[in-house]
Amino acid sequence: MIQFRKMMASDADEIAAIEEMTFAMPWSRKDFWAEAVNENAVYIVGTVDSKVVAYAGAWISFEEAQVTNVAVHPDYRGRSIGTKLFAKLIDEVKSRGVTAITLEVRPSNEAAIKLYENFGLKSVGRRKGYYLDNGEDALIMWNTSI
């Protein structure tokens, strides 16, 4: 059974491993260690039998949250973990006074786009050539009334 909790610095190795399996331009272990102690960030991990299998994070600036990362270990995808994780992230940022949430996503990442749309995010524009690994644009998605 999946359980959710706040990310700790000691989770950085497991999170960095999932990041490497998931993204073409992964963040490092050091990046996640720093985020764990960043008072302007919220990071949630999903665990199964004490093993980190998913994580999501956001930076908070006043009443807005900028989602930075959402990932589920490949062995655990297709089990609605991403949906539950994103819901927990939204609950957490709302508890800190956030009323709007934004993120960038690859247009080719249809599963992620569908997830975000299910939480009321809508595409409002593009960042041309945003992804440095292949020059793909990013969709800018917002929900201004979470």
Protein backbone atom coordinates (compact mmCIF):
# COMPACT_ATOMS: atom_id res chain seq x y z
CA MET A 1 0.00 0.00 0.00
CA ILE A 2 1.28 3.44 -0.92
CA GLN A 3 1.94 5.95 1.86
CA PHE A 4 2.81 9.62 1.46
CA ARG A 5 5.02 11.85 3.58
CA LYS A 6 7.22 14.90 3.40
CA MET A 7 10.53 14.36 1.60
CA MET A 8 13.62 14.14 3.81
CA ALA A 9 17.22 14.77 2.79
CA SER A 10 17.90 11.07 3.34
CA ASP A 11 15.52 10.31 0.42
CA ALA A 12 17.80 12.07 -2.09
CA ASP A 13 19.54 8.92 -3.37
CA GLU A 14 16.30 7.05 -4.09
CA ILE A 15 14.70 10.12 -5.67
CA ALA A 16 17.73 10.83 -7.86
CA ALA A 17 17.61 7.22 -9.10
CA ILE A 18 13.94 7.60 -10.13
CA GLU A 19 14.75 10.98 -11.69
CA GLU A 20 17.47 9.36 -13.85
CA MET A 21 15.05 6.66 -15.04
CA THR A 22 12.36 9.22 -15.85
CA PHE A 23 13.86 12.38 -17.32
CA ALA A 24 16.27 13.15 -20.15
CA MET A 25 17.75 16.01 -18.11
CA PRO A 26 17.62 14.72 -14.51
CA TRP A 27 18.26 16.69 -11.37
CA SER A 28 21.11 15.42 -9.19
CA ARG A 29 21.05 13.89 -5.73
CA LYS A 30 22.50 17.18 -4.45
CA ASP A 31 19.60 19.11 -6.01
CA PHE A 32 17.06 17.02 -4.10
CA TRP A 33 19.04 17.20 -0.88
CA ALA A 34 18.92 21.01 -1.16
CA GLU A 35 15.18 20.99 -1.91
CA ALA A 36 14.48 18.92 1.21
CA VAL A 37 15.62 21.84 3.37
CA ASN A 38 14.29 24.67 1.19
CA GLU A 39 11.60 26.44 3.22
CA ASN A 40 10.02 27.75 0.00
CA ALA A 41 9.57 24.26 -1.44
CA VAL A 42 7.15 21.42 -0.79
CA TYR A 43 8.17 17.89 -1.71
CA ILE A 44 6.10 14.76 -1.11
CA VAL A 45 7.29 11.18 -1.52
CA GLY A 46 5.24 8.05 -2.01
CA THR A 47 6.58 4.93 -0.35
CA VAL A 48 5.80 1.23 -0.55
CA ASP A 49 7.30 -0.86 2.24
CA SER A 50 9.52 2.13 3.17
CA LYS A 51 10.94 2.33 -0.39
CA VAL A 52 10.51 5.64 -2.23
CA VAL A 53 8.60 4.91 -5.44
CA ALA A 54 7.33 8.38 -6.36
CA TYR A 55 7.88 12.04 -5.60
CA ALA A 56 6.50 15.45 -6.49
CA GLY A 57 7.60 18.93 -5.61
CA ALA A 58 6.79 22.58 -6.01
CA TRP A 59 8.29 25.93 -5.21
CA ILE A 60 5.99 28.37 -3.43
CA SER A 61 6.01 32.08 -4.07
CA PHE A 62 3.26 33.92 -2.24
CA GLU A 63 -0.04 32.36 -3.42
CA GLU A 64 1.44 30.49 -6.41
CA ALA A 65 3.07 27.07 -6.65
CA GLN A 66 5.45 26.18 -9.51
CA VAL A 67 5.53 22.40 -9.87
CA THR A 68 9.12 21.31 -10.38
CA ASN A 69 9.01 17.52 -10.49
CA VAL A 70 6.50 14.69 -10.62
CA ALA A 71 7.74 11.14 -11.14
CA VAL A 72 6.79 7.55 -10.42
CA HIS A 73 9.29 4.69 -10.55
CA PRO A 74 8.73 2.75 -13.82
CA ASP A 75 7.89 -0.45 -11.91
CA TYR A 76 5.01 1.32 -10.13
CA ARG A 77 3.36 3.19 -13.01
CA GLY A 78 -0.22 2.44 -14.02
CA ARG A 79 -1.42 2.09 -10.41
CA SER A 80 -2.86 5.62 -9.94
CA ILE A 81 0.10 6.56 -7.74
CA GLY A 82 0.77 9.70 -9.79
CA THR A 83 -2.82 10.86 -9.35
CA LYS A 84 -2.76 10.29 -5.59
CA LEU A 85 0.67 11.92 -5.30
CA PHE A 86 -0.38 15.03 -7.24
CA ALA A 87 -3.52 15.33 -5.09
CA LYS A 88 -1.34 15.20 -1.95
CA LEU A 89 0.97 17.86 -3.39
CA ILE A 90 -1.99 20.13 -4.11
CA ASP A 91 -3.37 19.59 -0.60
CA GLU A 92 0.01 20.48 0.88
CA VAL A 93 0.52 23.67 -1.13
CA LYS A 94 -3.07 24.76 -0.43
CA SER A 95 -2.39 24.35 3.29
CA ARG A 96 0.37 26.92 2.82
CA GLY A 97 -1.99 29.48 1.25
CA VAL A 98 -1.48 28.67 -2.42
CA THR A 99 -4.43 29.42 -4.71
CA ALA A 100 -2.82 28.91 -8.15
CA ILE A 101 -0.56 26.24 -9.57
CA THR A 102 1.57 26.21 -12.72
CA LEU A 103 4.02 23.94 -14.49
CA GLU A 104 5.75 23.23 -17.76
CA VAL A 105 5.36 19.88 -19.53
CA ARG A 106 6.53 18.38 -22.80
CA PRO A 107 3.73 18.31 -25.39
CA SER A 108 4.82 14.73 -26.14
CA ASN A 109 4.12 13.66 -22.53
CA GLU A 110 0.45 12.87 -23.06
CA ALA A 111 0.06 10.89 -19.82
CA ALA A 112 1.30 13.84 -17.74
CA ILE A 113 -0.88 16.32 -19.62
CA LYS A 114 -3.94 14.16 -18.97
CA LEU A 115 -3.05 13.94 -15.26
CA TYR A 116 -2.69 17.71 -14.96
CA GLU A 117 -5.90 18.37 -16.90
CA ASN A 118 -7.73 16.10 -14.44
CA PHE A 119 -6.69 18.58 -11.74
CA GLY A 120 -8.01 21.56 -13.69
CA LEU A 121 -4.76 22.76 -15.25
CA LYS A 122 -5.12 24.17 -18.74
CA SER A 123 -2.55 24.93 -21.40
CA VAL A 124 -2.13 28.70 -21.71
CA GLY A 125 0.93 28.95 -23.93
CA ARG A 126 4.29 27.54 -24.96
CA ARG A 127 7.92 28.11 -24.15
CA LYS A 128 9.73 27.64 -27.46
CA GLY A 129 12.74 25.32 -27.32
CA TYR A 130 12.43 24.94 -23.53
CA TYR A 131 13.93 21.45 -23.29
CA LEU A 132 17.63 21.66 -24.00
CA ASP A 133 18.11 17.95 -24.73
CA ASN A 134 16.07 18.05 -27.95
CA GLY A 135 14.72 21.59 -28.33
CA GLU A 136 11.13 20.52 -27.65
CA ASP A 137 8.74 23.27 -26.60
CA ALA A 138 7.07 23.22 -23.20
CA LEU A 139 3.37 23.66 -22.64
CA ILE A 140 2.67 26.16 -19.88
CA MET A 141 -0.23 24.93 -17.78
CA TRP A 142 -2.12 26.81 -15.06
CA ASN A 143 -4.95 26.35 -12.63
CA THR A 144 -5.67 29.70 -10.98
CA SER A 145 -8.33 28.44 -8.57
CA ILE A 146 -7.14 25.29 -6.85
